[in-house]
Protein backbone atom coordinates (compact mmCIF):
# COMPACT_ATOMS: atom_id res chain seq x y z
CA UNK A 1 -0.25 0.03 0.04
CA UNK A 2 1.31 3.47 -0.79
CA UNK A 3 1.68 6.47 1.48
CA UNK A 4 -1.01 8.02 -0.40
CA UNK A 5 -3.37 5.12 -0.16
CA UNK A 6 -2.61 4.86 3.69
CA UNK A 7 -3.57 8.69 3.87
CA UNK A 8 -6.71 8.24 1.78
CA UNK A 9 -7.98 5.30 4.09
CA UNK A 10 -7.44 7.47 7.35
CA UNK A 11 -10.99 7.99 8.29
CA UNK A 12 -12.22 4.58 7.54
CA UNK A 13 -9.16 3.13 9.27
CA UNK A 14 -10.11 5.23 12.54
CA UNK A 15 -13.82 4.20 12.08
CA UNK A 16 -12.35 0.59 12.29
CA UNK A 17 -10.20 1.28 15.39
CA UNK A 18 -12.99 2.79 17.18
CA UNK A 19 -15.46 -0.13 16.29
CA UNK A 20 -12.55 -2.55 17.90
CA UNK A 21 -12.17 -0.51 20.95
CA UNK A 22 -15.95 -0.50 21.33
CA UNK A 23 -16.05 -4.02 20.93
CA UNK A 24 -13.06 -4.64 23.10
CA UNK A 25 -14.73 -2.23 25.76
CA UNK A 26 -18.05 -3.49 25.86
CA UNK A 27 -16.25 -7.12 26.62
CA UNK A 28 -14.82 -5.58 30.03
CA UNK A 29 -11.40 -4.59 28.79
CA UNK A 30 -11.04 -1.17 30.84
CA UNK A 31 -7.93 0.16 28.85
CA UNK A 32 -10.03 0.21 25.60
CA UNK A 33 -13.13 1.89 27.42
CA UNK A 34 -10.27 4.64 28.63
CA UNK A 35 -9.12 4.87 25.28
CA UNK A 36 -12.34 5.60 24.01
CA UNK A 37 -12.97 8.24 26.88
CA UNK A 38 -9.99 10.06 26.20
CA UNK A 39 -10.86 10.07 22.56
CA UNK A 40 -14.34 11.64 23.21
CA UNK A 41 -12.60 14.18 25.89
CA UNK A 42 -10.16 15.29 23.40
CA UNK A 43 -12.88 15.78 20.68
CA UNK A 44 -14.78 17.73 23.17
CA UNK A 45 -12.08 19.97 24.09
CA UNK A 46 -11.62 20.99 20.38
CA UNK A 47 -15.44 21.09 19.55
CA UNK A 48 -16.75 22.44 22.89
CA UNK A 49 -19.68 19.83 22.41
CA UNK A 50 -21.57 18.87 25.55
CA UNK A 51 -22.52 15.43 23.80
CA UNK A 52 -18.88 14.57 23.28
CA UNK A 53 -18.29 15.17 26.91
CA UNK A 54 -21.07 13.02 27.79
CA UNK A 55 -19.58 10.21 25.52
CA UNK A 56 -16.26 10.57 27.35
CA UNK A 57 -17.82 10.42 30.68
CA UNK A 58 -19.97 7.28 29.67
CA UNK A 59 -16.55 5.52 28.71
CA UNK A 60 -14.67 6.68 31.63
CA UNK A 61 -17.29 5.58 33.86
CA UNK A 62 -17.14 2.15 32.19
CA UNK A 63 -13.33 2.06 32.60
CA UNK A 64 -13.71 2.81 36.30
CA UNK A 65 -16.28 0.36 37.08
CA UNK A 66 -14.14 -2.24 35.53
CA UNK A 67 -11.13 -1.18 37.71
CA UNK A 68 -9.12 1.23 35.86
CA UNK A 69 -8.22 3.83 38.47
CA UNK A 70 -7.11 6.37 36.08
CA UNK A 71 -10.27 6.36 34.32
CA UNK A 72 -11.90 7.07 37.76
CA UNK A 73 -9.90 10.38 38.05
CA UNK A 74 -10.63 11.18 34.25
CA UNK A 75 -14.22 10.88 34.95
CA UNK A 76 -13.91 13.41 37.81
CA UNK A 77 -12.73 15.88 35.21
CA UNK A 78 -15.45 15.57 32.68
CA UNK A 79 -18.33 13.27 33.74
CA UNK A 80 -19.55 14.40 37.38
CA UNK A 81 -21.88 16.77 36.27
CA UNK A 82 -23.37 14.37 33.78
CA UNK A 83 -23.53 10.99 35.36
CA UNK A 84 -24.30 10.57 38.91
CA UNK A 85 -23.25 13.78 40.56
CA UNK A 86 -21.60 13.91 43.91
CA UNK A 87 -21.95 10.68 45.07
CA UNK A 88 -20.42 9.05 42.17
CA UNK A 89 -17.77 11.46 42.11
CA UNK A 90 -17.01 10.65 45.83
CA UNK A 91 -16.94 6.77 45.16
CA UNK A 92 -14.76 7.22 42.16
CA UNK A 93 -12.17 9.59 44.08
CA UNK A 94 -12.06 6.97 46.94
CA UNK A 95 -11.16 4.11 44.41
CA UNK A 96 -8.54 6.52 42.76
CA UNK A 97 -7.01 7.30 46.16
CA UNK A 98 -7.06 3.80 47.25
CA UNK A 99 -5.41 2.70 44.38
CA UNK A 100 -2.54 5.15 44.90
CA UNK A 101 -3.45 8.08 42.63
CA UNK A 102 -2.85 11.21 44.94
CA UNK A 103 -4.90 13.07 42.80
CA UNK A 104 -7.87 11.29 43.93
CA UNK A 105 -6.86 11.83 47.54
CA UNK A 106 -6.60 15.39 47.09
CA UNK A 107 -9.75 15.88 45.11
CA UNK A 108 -11.53 14.10 48.31
CA UNK A 109 -9.58 16.15 50.78
CA UNK A 110 -10.81 19.56 49.10
CA UNK A 111 -14.34 18.53 49.04
CA UNK A 112 -14.31 17.30 52.72
CA UNK A 113 -12.66 20.80 53.80
CA UNK A 114 -15.00 22.97 51.62
CA UNK A 115 -18.14 21.00 51.64
CA UNK A 116 -19.66 18.33 49.50
CA UNK A 117 -22.65 20.01 47.39
CA UNK A 118 -25.94 17.93 48.40
CA UNK A 119 -29.31 18.51 47.41
CA UNK A 120 -29.29 22.33 47.63
CA UNK A 121 -27.08 25.28 47.03
CA UNK A 122 -27.17 26.08 50.77
CA UNK A 123 -26.65 22.39 52.06
CA UNK A 124 -22.94 21.37 52.28
CA UNK A 125 -21.17 18.58 54.19
CA UNK A 126 -17.91 19.35 55.62
CA UNK A 127 -15.50 16.97 57.48
CA UNK A 128 -12.36 18.26 58.54
CA UNK A 129 -11.14 15.20 60.19
CA UNK A 130 -11.38 13.43 56.87
CA UNK A 131 -9.85 16.41 55.02
CA UNK A 132 -6.83 16.29 57.06
CA UNK A 133 -6.67 12.21 56.41
CA UNK A 134 -6.80 12.77 52.62
CA UNK A 135 -4.57 15.79 52.44
CA UNK A 136 -1.90 13.64 54.67
CA UNK A 137 -2.38 10.95 51.80
CA UNK A 138 -1.88 13.19 48.81
CA UNK A 139 0.95 14.77 50.64
CA UNK A 140 2.90 11.71 51.18
CA UNK A 141 2.48 10.95 47.52
CA UNK A 142 4.18 14.35 46.81
CA UNK A 143 1.23 16.68 45.91
CA UNK A 144 2.69 19.96 47.39
CA UNK A 145 -0.79 21.72 47.58
CA UNK A 146 -1.65 19.02 49.88
CA UNK A 147 1.24 19.68 52.13
CA UNK A 148 0.70 23.07 52.30
CA UNK A 149 -3.10 22.68 53.13
CA UNK A 150 -1.84 20.09 55.86
CA UNK A 151 0.39 22.57 57.29
CA UNK A 152 -2.38 25.17 57.48
CA UNK A 153 -4.59 22.67 59.15
CA UNK A 154 -2.07 21.77 61.64
CA UNK A 155 -1.37 25.29 62.34
CA UNK A 156 -5.00 26.27 62.69
CA UNK A 157 -6.28 23.24 64.47
CA UNK A 158 -8.65 22.20 61.60
CA UNK A 159 -9.88 18.73 61.75
CA UNK A 160 -7.83 17.89 64.90
CA UNK A 161 -5.43 19.59 67.45
CA UNK A 162 -3.04 22.62 66.49
CA UNK A 163 0.37 21.42 66.46
CA UNK A 164 2.69 24.22 65.36
CA UNK A 165 5.92 21.78 65.25
CA UNK A 166 4.09 19.72 62.48
CA UNK A 167 2.80 22.62 60.47
CA UNK A 168 6.32 24.18 60.96
CA UNK A 169 7.60 20.88 59.36
CA UNK A 170 5.43 20.93 56.36
CA UNK A 171 6.27 24.61 55.70
CA UNK A 172 9.73 24.17 55.84
CA UNK A 173 9.95 21.39 53.48
CA UNK A 174 7.97 23.34 51.11
CA UNK A 175 9.70 26.69 51.56
CA UNK A 176 13.01 25.29 50.10
CA UNK A 177 11.41 23.90 46.74
CA UNK A 178 8.45 23.88 44.79
CA UNK A 179 5.35 25.70 43.59
CA UNK A 180 3.86 26.47 47.07
CA UNK A 181 7.29 27.87 48.07
CA UNK A 182 6.31 31.68 48.60
CA UNK A 183 3.03 30.69 50.49
CA UNK A 184 4.96 28.31 52.74
CA UNK A 185 7.84 30.65 53.50
CA UNK A 186 5.03 33.41 54.24
CA UNK A 187 3.62 30.69 56.78
CA UNK A 188 6.72 30.02 58.53
CA UNK A 189 7.16 33.99 58.84
CA UNK A 190 3.71 34.00 60.69
CA UNK A 191 4.94 31.04 62.88
CA UNK A 192 7.92 33.26 63.75
CA UNK A 193 10.70 31.63 61.68
CA UNK A 194 13.17 34.00 60.25
CA UNK A 195 12.67 34.16 56.30
CA UNK A 196 14.96 31.88 54.77
CA UNK A 197 13.74 32.48 51.08
CA UNK A 198 16.64 33.82 49.14
CA UNK A 199 14.67 35.47 46.53
């Protein structure tokens, strides 16, 4: 087959690939469902089409339900508004976190700190103990924002007792490197630690 023939067969080739992925997905192969979710998500980003986002969410949901934790995270970014709302988002974030994906832990921590939206705009469920627990798990996995939030929670006694030594420990680690550096250095100054930020 010549290069021109391959180019000319592109769209039908894509159609065959999509059909094979769908067949594999519906046979229970989570990675195929994830690949289809990514295809529809990327298409939605280009087209800004609501139906494409819904398709992406459906495939990510299938992959997550079949045990592919990365799809659980992807679902959180595209699907929670379409299919299942807050409860499914919480379940999928827990799956991702349990599977060692720190972004799932951080998602849970943020929502427990700021409140899960319930049945009305005014009704939220907050649990700072759970927020602290999930920030700790995300921090251990290297999520700097979670380490910073954890330092704040230890400093202010959110979700547990005040422990300025632990707060200082998190802030000092972040002050020496990372994206949260300036915030962490400022937090150290507030704790009475001289500014060691060389910038």
